[in-house]
Amino acid sequence: MAAKKSVQLSGIVVAESAISSIDPDKGVLMYRGYDIADLAETASRVAGWSAHVLEHQAENRIIRPSAEYVGAPPREFPAREHA
């Protein structure tokens, strides 16, 4: 069964904005020329970086992950013959 489409508000403008636009065919909301999905991703990264900086300040030291290699063990390579 197909969903019913309401036509009662067709053609009614609910908001006008000079700083945002919607492309209904692509499903994209733009804010000041930027895709809102990109802005949301960037905002979440900035929040993470900010939390990291606050953690550094609270501990009064730079926190770094361990650099211990946990990959495959080193392997032997055959000697290379020079011509």
PDB file of N, CA and C in Angstrom:
ATOM      1  N   MET A   1       0.846  -1.173   0.000  1.00  0.00           N
ATOM      2  CA  MET A   1       0.000   0.000   0.000  1.00  0.00           C
ATOM      3  C   MET A   1       0.897   1.244   0.000  1.00  0.00           C
ATOM      4  N   ALA A   2       0.701   2.132  -0.931  1.00  0.00           N
ATOM      5  CA  ALA A   2       1.498   3.352  -1.036  1.00  0.00           C
ATOM      6  C   ALA A   2       1.048   4.355   0.017  1.00  0.00           C
ATOM      7  N   ALA A   3       2.006   5.126   0.510  1.00  0.00           N
ATOM      8  CA  ALA A   3       1.680   6.154   1.501  1.00  0.00           C
ATOM      9  C   ALA A   3       0.883   7.266   0.840  1.00  0.00           C
ATOM     10  N   LYS A   4      -0.075   7.816   1.567  1.00  0.00           N
ATOM     11  CA  LYS A   4      -0.869   8.923   1.041  1.00  0.00           C
ATOM     12  C   LYS A   4      -0.042  10.197   1.100  1.00  0.00           C
ATOM     13  N   LYS A   5      -0.116  10.962   0.022  1.00  0.00           N
ATOM     14  CA  LYS A   5       0.594  12.229  -0.027  1.00  0.00           C
ATOM     15  C   LYS A   5      -0.397  13.354   0.239  1.00  0.00           C
ATOM     16  N   SER A   6      -0.078  14.177   1.215  1.00  0.00           N
ATOM     17  CA  SER A   6      -0.939  15.302   1.546  1.00  0.00           C
ATOM     18  C   SER A   6      -0.666  16.446   0.581  1.00  0.00           C
ATOM     19  N   VAL A   7      -1.711  16.977   0.001  1.00  0.00           N
ATOM     20  CA  VAL A   7      -1.551  18.099  -0.928  1.00  0.00           C
ATOM     21  C   VAL A   7      -2.127  19.386  -0.345  1.00  0.00           C
ATOM     22  N   GLN A   8      -2.592  19.333   0.878  1.00  0.00           N
ATOM     23  CA  GLN A   8      -3.239  20.501   1.475  1.00  0.00           C
ATOM     24  C   GLN A   8      -2.285  21.677   1.648  1.00  0.00           C
ATOM     25  N   LEU A   9      -0.996  21.398   1.906  1.00  0.00           N
ATOM     26  CA  LEU A   9      -0.037  22.488   2.101  1.00  0.00           C
ATOM     27  C   LEU A   9       0.889  22.664   0.903  1.00  0.00           C
ATOM     28  N   SER A  10       0.571  22.041  -0.221  1.00  0.00           N
ATOM     29  CA  SER A  10       1.402  22.181  -1.422  1.00  0.00           C
ATOM     30  C   SER A  10       1.456  23.644  -1.845  1.00  0.00           C
ATOM     31  N   GLY A  11       2.659  24.115  -2.126  1.00  0.00           N
ATOM     32  CA  GLY A  11       2.832  25.492  -2.579  1.00  0.00           C
ATOM     33  C   GLY A  11       2.890  26.514  -1.470  1.00  0.00           C
ATOM     34  N   ILE A  12       2.749  26.101  -0.221  1.00  0.00           N
ATOM     35  CA  ILE A  12       2.809  27.018   0.911  1.00  0.00           C
ATOM     36  C   ILE A  12       4.264  27.141   1.365  1.00  0.00           C
ATOM     37  N   VAL A  13       4.755  28.358   1.394  1.00  0.00           N
ATOM     38  CA  VAL A  13       6.110  28.601   1.874  1.00  0.00           C
ATOM     39  C   VAL A  13       6.062  28.714   3.387  1.00  0.00           C
ATOM     40  N   VAL A  14       6.808  27.848   4.073  1.00  0.00           N
ATOM     41  CA  VAL A  14       6.791  27.877   5.531  1.00  0.00           C
ATOM     42  C   VAL A  14       7.934  28.702   6.094  1.00  0.00           C
ATOM     43  N   ALA A  15       8.939  28.936   5.288  1.00  0.00           N
ATOM     44  CA  ALA A  15      10.062  29.755   5.743  1.00  0.00           C
ATOM     45  C   ALA A  15      10.847  30.232   4.544  1.00  0.00           C
ATOM     46  N   GLU A  16      11.315  31.441   4.620  1.00  0.00           N
ATOM     47  CA  GLU A  16      12.204  31.973   3.597  1.00  0.00           C
ATOM     48  C   GLU A  16      13.489  32.375   4.285  1.00  0.00           C
ATOM     49  N   SER A  17      14.608  32.067   3.655  1.00  0.00           N
ATOM     50  CA  SER A  17      15.892  32.367   4.272  1.00  0.00           C
ATOM     51  C   SER A  17      16.898  32.741   3.193  1.00  0.00           C
ATOM     52  N   ALA A  18      17.701  33.745   3.492  1.00  0.00           N
ATOM     53  CA  ALA A  18      18.759  34.138   2.574  1.00  0.00           C
ATOM     54  C   ALA A  18      20.045  33.366   2.851  1.00  0.00           C
ATOM     55  N   ILE A  19      20.094  32.622   3.970  1.00  0.00           N
ATOM     56  CA  ILE A  19      21.336  31.931   4.335  1.00  0.00           C
ATOM     57  C   ILE A  19      21.263  30.423   4.196  1.00  0.00           C
ATOM     58  N   SER A  20      20.083  29.874   3.922  1.00  0.00           N
ATOM     59  CA  SER A  20      19.984  28.423   3.760  1.00  0.00           C
ATOM     60  C   SER A  20      19.082  28.088   2.580  1.00  0.00           C
ATOM     61  N   SER A  21      19.279  26.898   2.037  1.00  0.00           N
ATOM     62  CA  SER A  21      18.444  26.443   0.935  1.00  0.00           C
ATOM     63  C   SER A  21      18.318  24.929   1.003  1.00  0.00           C
ATOM     64  N   ILE A  22      17.254  24.425   0.417  1.00  0.00           N
ATOM     65  CA  ILE A  22      16.996  22.993   0.401  1.00  0.00           C
ATOM     66  C   ILE A  22      16.855  22.542  -1.045  1.00  0.00           C
ATOM     67  N   ASP A  23      17.550  21.468  -1.381  1.00  0.00           N
ATOM     68  CA  ASP A  23      17.383  20.836  -2.680  1.00  0.00           C
ATOM     69  C   ASP A  23      16.554  19.574  -2.437  1.00  0.00           C
ATOM     70  N   PRO A  24      15.245  19.623  -2.653  1.00  0.00           N
ATOM     71  CA  PRO A  24      14.402  18.469  -2.323  1.00  0.00           C
ATOM     72  C   PRO A  24      14.692  17.245  -3.182  1.00  0.00           C
ATOM     73  N   ASP A  25      15.170  17.455  -4.409  1.00  0.00           N
ATOM     74  CA  ASP A  25      15.463  16.310  -5.275  1.00  0.00           C
ATOM     75  C   ASP A  25      16.664  15.525  -4.771  1.00  0.00           C
ATOM     76  N   LYS A  26      17.668  16.224  -4.280  1.00  0.00           N
ATOM     77  CA  LYS A  26      18.873  15.573  -3.766  1.00  0.00           C
ATOM     78  C   LYS A  26      18.790  15.332  -2.259  1.00  0.00           C
ATOM     79  N   GLY A  27      17.858  15.984  -1.595  1.00  0.00           N
ATOM     80  CA  GLY A  27      17.736  15.840  -0.145  1.00  0.00           C
ATOM     81  C   GLY A  27      18.883  16.499   0.591  1.00  0.00           C
ATOM     82  N   VAL A  28      19.306  17.663   0.108  1.00  0.00           N
ATOM     83  CA  VAL A  28      20.466  18.355   0.678  1.00  0.00           C
ATOM     84  C   VAL A  28      20.036  19.691   1.263  1.00  0.00           C
ATOM     85  N   LEU A  29      20.456  19.932   2.496  1.00  0.00           N
ATOM     86  CA  LEU A  29      20.239  21.224   3.139  1.00  0.00           C
ATOM     87  C   LEU A  29      21.562  21.967   3.123  1.00  0.00           C
ATOM     88  N   MET A  30      21.573  23.166   2.550  1.00  0.00           N
ATOM     89  CA  MET A  30      22.782  23.981   2.471  1.00  0.00           C
ATOM     90  C   MET A  30      22.637  25.166   3.423  1.00  0.00           C
ATOM     91  N   TYR A  31      23.722  25.476   4.126  1.00  0.00           N
ATOM     92  CA  TYR A  31      23.746  26.628   5.024  1.00  0.00           C
ATOM     93  C   TYR A  31      24.928  27.489   4.637  1.00  0.00           C
ATOM     94  N   ARG A  32      24.666  28.682   4.180  1.00  0.00           N
ATOM     95  CA  ARG A  32      25.692  29.612   3.711  1.00  0.00           C
ATOM     96  C   ARG A  32      26.630  28.959   2.693  1.00  0.00           C
ATOM     97  N   GLY A  33      26.072  28.120   1.847  1.00  0.00           N
ATOM     98  CA  GLY A  33      26.837  27.481   0.789  1.00  0.00           C
ATOM     99  C   GLY A  33      27.503  26.169   1.176  1.00  0.00           C
ATOM    100  N   TYR A  34      27.352  25.741   2.413  1.00  0.00           N
ATOM    101  CA  TYR A  34      27.958  24.490   2.885  1.00  0.00           C
ATOM    102  C   TYR A  34      26.883  23.437   3.124  1.00  0.00           C
ATOM    103  N   ASP A  35      27.180  22.197   2.761  1.00  0.00           N
ATOM    104  CA  ASP A  35      26.272  21.091   3.030  1.00  0.00           C
ATOM    105  C   ASP A  35      26.194  20.906   4.544  1.00  0.00           C
ATOM    106  N   ILE A  36      24.995  20.829   5.067  1.00  0.00           N
ATOM    107  CA  ILE A  36      24.805  20.732   6.522  1.00  0.00           C
ATOM    108  C   ILE A  36      25.446  19.464   7.087  1.00  0.00           C
ATOM    109  N   ALA A  37      25.535  18.398   6.290  1.00  0.00           N
ATOM    110  CA  ALA A  37      26.183  17.162   6.747  1.00  0.00           C
ATOM    111  C   ALA A  37      27.680  17.403   6.992  1.00  0.00           C
ATOM    112  N   ASP A  38      28.318  18.193   6.125  1.00  0.00           N
ATOM    113  CA  ASP A  38      29.733  18.528   6.327  1.00  0.00           C
ATOM    114  C   ASP A  38      29.924  19.373   7.576  1.00  0.00           C
ATOM    115  N   LEU A  39      29.008  20.316   7.800  1.00  0.00           N
ATOM    116  CA  LEU A  39      29.107  21.158   9.000  1.00  0.00           C
ATOM    117  C   LEU A  39      28.939  20.332  10.268  1.00  0.00           C
ATOM    118  N   ALA A  40      28.013  19.375  10.252  1.00  0.00           N
ATOM    119  CA  ALA A  40      27.799  18.531  11.432  1.00  0.00           C
ATOM    120  C   ALA A  40      29.026  17.673  11.716  1.00  0.00           C
ATOM    121  N   GLU A  41      29.646  17.126  10.673  1.00  0.00           N
ATOM    122  CA  GLU A  41      30.853  16.307  10.862  1.00  0.00           C
ATOM    123  C   GLU A  41      31.988  17.156  11.436  1.00  0.00           C
ATOM    124  N   THR A  42      32.163  18.346  10.893  1.00  0.00           N
ATOM    125  CA  THR A  42      33.226  19.235  11.366  1.00  0.00           C
ATOM    126  C   THR A  42      32.986  19.641  12.815  1.00  0.00           C
ATOM    127  N   ALA A  43      31.754  19.943  13.156  1.00  0.00           N
ATOM    128  CA  ALA A  43      31.440  20.344  14.532  1.00  0.00           C
ATOM    129  C   ALA A  43      31.750  19.219  15.514  1.00  0.00           C
ATOM    130  N   SER A  44      31.476  17.977  15.120  1.00  0.00           N
ATOM    131  CA  SER A  44      31.757  16.863  16.033  1.00  0.00           C
ATOM    132  C   SER A  44      33.262  16.669  16.207  1.00  0.00           C
ATOM    133  N   ARG A  45      34.040  16.904  15.144  1.00  0.00           N
ATOM    134  CA  ARG A  45      35.500  16.803  15.276  1.00  0.00           C
ATOM    135  C   ARG A  45      36.049  17.891  16.186  1.00  0.00           C
ATOM    136  N   VAL A  46      35.548  19.093  16.018  1.00  0.00           N
ATOM    137  CA  VAL A  46      36.011  20.203  16.855  1.00  0.00           C
ATOM    138  C   VAL A  46      35.690  19.920  18.322  1.00  0.00           C
ATOM    139  N   ALA A  47      34.527  19.347  18.574  1.00  0.00           N
ATOM    140  CA  ALA A  47      34.160  19.003  19.954  1.00  0.00           C
ATOM    141  C   ALA A  47      35.139  17.982  20.527  1.00  0.00           C
ATOM    142  N   GLY A  48      35.513  16.987  19.735  1.00  0.00           N
ATOM    143  CA  GLY A  48      36.474  15.980  20.195  1.00  0.00           C
ATOM    144  C   GLY A  48      37.838  16.571  20.454  1.00  0.00           C
ATOM    145  N   TRP A  49      38.303  17.425  19.543  1.00  0.00           N
ATOM    146  CA  TRP A  49      39.609  18.070  19.727  1.00  0.00           C
ATOM    147  C   TRP A  49      39.590  18.965  20.965  1.00  0.00           C
ATOM    148  N   SER A  50      38.487  19.683  21.156  1.00  0.00           N
ATOM    149  CA  SER A  50      38.381  20.561  22.319  1.00  0.00           C
ATOM    150  C   SER A  50      38.429  19.765  23.616  1.00  0.00           C
ATOM    151  N   ALA A  51      37.746  18.640  23.657  1.00  0.00           N
ATOM    152  CA  ALA A  51      37.777  17.788  24.846  1.00  0.00           C
ATOM    153  C   ALA A  51      39.194  17.285  25.104  1.00  0.00           C
ATOM    154  N   HIS A  52      39.924  16.976  24.045  1.00  0.00           N
ATOM    155  CA  HIS A  52      41.298  16.505  24.185  1.00  0.00           C
ATOM    156  C   HIS A  52      42.185  17.612  24.771  1.00  0.00           C
ATOM    157  N   VAL A  53      42.011  18.828  24.294  1.00  0.00           N
ATOM    158  CA  VAL A  53      42.796  19.962  24.810  1.00  0.00           C
ATOM    159  C   VAL A  53      42.483  20.196  26.285  1.00  0.00           C
ATOM    160  N   LEU A  54      41.209  20.146  26.654  1.00  0.00           N
ATOM    161  CA  LEU A  54      40.830  20.332  28.051  1.00  0.00           C
ATOM    162  C   LEU A  54      41.423  19.244  28.936  1.00  0.00           C
ATOM    163  N   GLU A  55      41.492  18.024  28.415  1.00  0.00           N
ATOM    164  CA  GLU A  55      42.099  16.923  29.161  1.00  0.00           C
ATOM    165  C   GLU A  55      43.589  17.181  29.375  1.00  0.00           C
ATOM    166  N   HIS A  56      44.258  17.707  28.356  1.00  0.00           N
ATOM    167  CA  HIS A  56      45.679  18.047  28.484  1.00  0.00           C
ATOM    168  C   HIS A  56      45.878  19.111  29.553  1.00  0.00           C
ATOM    169  N   GLN A  57      45.030  20.122  29.526  1.00  0.00           N
ATOM    170  CA  GLN A  57      45.162  21.206  30.497  1.00  0.00           C
ATOM    171  C   GLN A  57      44.888  20.714  31.912  1.00  0.00           C
ATOM    172  N   ALA A  58      43.923  19.848  32.075  1.00  0.00           N
ATOM    173  CA  ALA A  58      43.580  19.351  33.407  1.00  0.00           C
ATOM    174  C   ALA A  58      44.713  18.518  33.999  1.00  0.00           C
ATOM    175  N   GLU A  59      45.400  17.764  33.178  1.00  0.00           N
ATOM    176  CA  GLU A  59      46.498  16.908  33.639  1.00  0.00           C
ATOM    177  C   GLU A  59      47.838  17.640  33.634  1.00  0.00           C
ATOM    178  N   ASN A  60      47.868  18.830  33.041  1.00  0.00           N
ATOM    179  CA  ASN A  60      49.086  19.629  32.921  1.00  0.00           C
ATOM    180  C   ASN A  60      50.218  18.860  32.229  1.00  0.00           C
ATOM    181  N   ARG A  61      49.842  18.075  31.234  1.00  0.00           N
ATOM    182  CA  ARG A  61      50.826  17.348  30.428  1.00  0.00           C
ATOM    183  C   ARG A  61      50.184  16.961  29.104  1.00  0.00           C
ATOM    184  N   ILE A  62      51.026  16.660  28.139  1.00  0.00           N
ATOM    185  CA  ILE A  62      50.541  16.218  26.840  1.00  0.00           C
ATOM    186  C   ILE A  62      50.325  14.711  26.893  1.00  0.00           C
ATOM    187  N   ILE A  63      49.143  14.284  26.553  1.00  0.00           N
ATOM    188  CA  ILE A  63      48.802  12.864  26.578  1.00  0.00           C
ATOM    189  C   ILE A  63      49.012  12.299  25.183  1.00  0.00           C
ATOM    190  N   ARG A  64      49.838  11.296  25.076  1.00  0.00           N
ATOM    191  CA  ARG A  64      50.113  10.676  23.784  1.00  0.00           C
ATOM    192  C   ARG A  64      49.831   9.178  23.869  1.00  0.00           C
ATOM    193  N   PRO A  65      49.320   8.607  22.784  1.00  0.00           N
ATOM    194  CA  PRO A  65      49.110   7.163  22.784  1.00  0.00           C
ATOM    195  C   PRO A  65      50.444   6.439  22.775  1.00  0.00           C
ATOM    196  N   SER A  66      50.446   5.208  23.250  1.00  0.00           N
ATOM    197  CA  SER A  66      51.690   4.433  23.228  1.00  0.00           C
ATOM    198  C   SER A  66      52.083   4.169  21.787  1.00  0.00           C
ATOM    199  N   ALA A  67      53.383   4.101  21.549  1.00  0.00           N
ATOM    200  CA  ALA A  67      53.884   3.892  20.196  1.00  0.00           C
ATOM    201  C   ALA A  67      54.425   2.476  20.038  1.00  0.00           C
ATOM    202  N   GLU A  68      53.993   1.578  20.881  1.00  0.00           N
ATOM    203  CA  GLU A  68      54.465   0.208  20.809  1.00  0.00           C
ATOM    204  C   GLU A  68      53.865  -0.480  19.585  1.00  0.00           C
ATOM    205  N   TYR A  69      54.725  -1.049  18.737  1.00  0.00           N
ATOM    206  CA  TYR A  69      54.273  -1.723  17.530  1.00  0.00           C
ATOM    207  C   TYR A  69      53.633  -3.053  17.899  1.00  0.00           C
ATOM    208  N   VAL A  70      52.464  -3.302  17.390  1.00  0.00           N
ATOM    209  CA  VAL A  70      51.754  -4.534  17.716  1.00  0.00           C
ATOM    210  C   VAL A  70      51.411  -5.337  16.462  1.00  0.00           C
ATOM    211  N   GLY A  71      52.067  -5.024  15.358  1.00  0.00           N
ATOM    212  CA  GLY A  71      51.788  -5.712  14.098  1.00  0.00           C
ATOM    213  C   GLY A  71      52.526  -7.035  13.989  1.00  0.00           C
ATOM    214  N   ALA A  72      52.607  -7.530  12.763  1.00  0.00           N
ATOM    215  CA  ALA A  72      53.279  -8.801  12.486  1.00  0.00           C
ATOM    216  C   ALA A  72      54.769  -8.694  12.824  1.00  0.00           C
ATOM    217  N   PRO A  73      55.379  -9.813  13.224  1.00  0.00           N
ATOM    218  CA  PRO A  73      56.807  -9.777  13.542  1.00  0.00           C
ATOM    219  C   PRO A  73      57.634  -9.495  12.282  1.00  0.00           C
ATOM    220  N   PRO A  74      58.832  -8.910  12.443  1.00  0.00           N
ATOM    221  CA  PRO A  74      59.661  -8.631  11.275  1.00  0.00           C
ATOM    222  C   PRO A  74      60.032  -9.929  10.554  1.00  0.00           C
ATOM    223  N   ARG A  75      60.251  -9.848   9.266  1.00  0.00           N
ATOM    224  CA  ARG A  75      60.606 -11.037   8.501  1.00  0.00           C
ATOM    225  C   ARG A  75      61.928 -10.820   7.774  1.00  0.00           C
ATOM    226  N   GLU A  76      62.579 -11.886   7.455  1.00  0.00           N
ATOM    227  CA  GLU A  76      63.858 -11.838   6.749  1.00  0.00           C
ATOM    228  C   GLU A  76      63.615 -11.610   5.261  1.00  0.00           C
ATOM    229  N   PHE A  77      64.435 -10.784   4.662  1.00  0.00           N
ATOM    230  CA  PHE A  77      64.379 -10.569   3.224  1.00  0.00           C
ATOM    231  C   PHE A  77      65.637 -11.150   2.608  1.00  0.00           C
ATOM    232  N   PRO A  78      65.547 -11.741   1.428  1.00  0.00           N
ATOM    233  CA  PRO A  78      66.755 -12.284   0.786  1.00  0.00           C
ATOM    234  C   PRO A  78      67.708 -11.164   0.409  1.00  0.00           C
ATOM    235  N   ALA A  79      68.979 -11.472   0.434  1.00  0.00           N
ATOM    236  CA  ALA A  79      69.985 -10.483   0.053  1.00  0.00           C
ATOM    237  C   ALA A  79      69.800 -10.103  -1.419  1.00  0.00           C
ATOM    238  N   ARG A  80      70.004  -8.850  -1.715  1.00  0.00           N
ATOM    239  CA  ARG A  80      69.837  -8.375  -3.087  1.00  0.00           C
ATOM    240  C   ARG A  80      71.157  -8.452  -3.808  1.00  0.00           C
ATOM    241  N   GLU A  81      71.146  -9.047  -4.966  1.00  0.00           N
ATOM    242  CA  GLU A  81      72.362  -9.159  -5.765  1.00  0.00           C
ATOM    243  C   GLU A  81      72.468  -7.932  -6.653  1.00  0.00           C
ATOM    244  N   HIS A  82      73.647  -7.318  -6.651  1.00  0.00           N
ATOM    245  CA  HIS A  82      73.898  -6.153  -7.510  1.00  0.00           C
ATOM    246  C   HIS A  82      74.599  -6.622  -8.768  1.00  0.00           C
ATOM    247  N   ALA A  83      74.179  -6.136  -9.898  1.00  0.00           N
ATOM    248  CA  ALA A  83      74.779  -6.556 -11.174  1.00  0.00           C
ATOM    249  C   ALA A  83      76.022  -5.764 -11.501  1.00  0.00           C
TER     250      ALA A  83
END
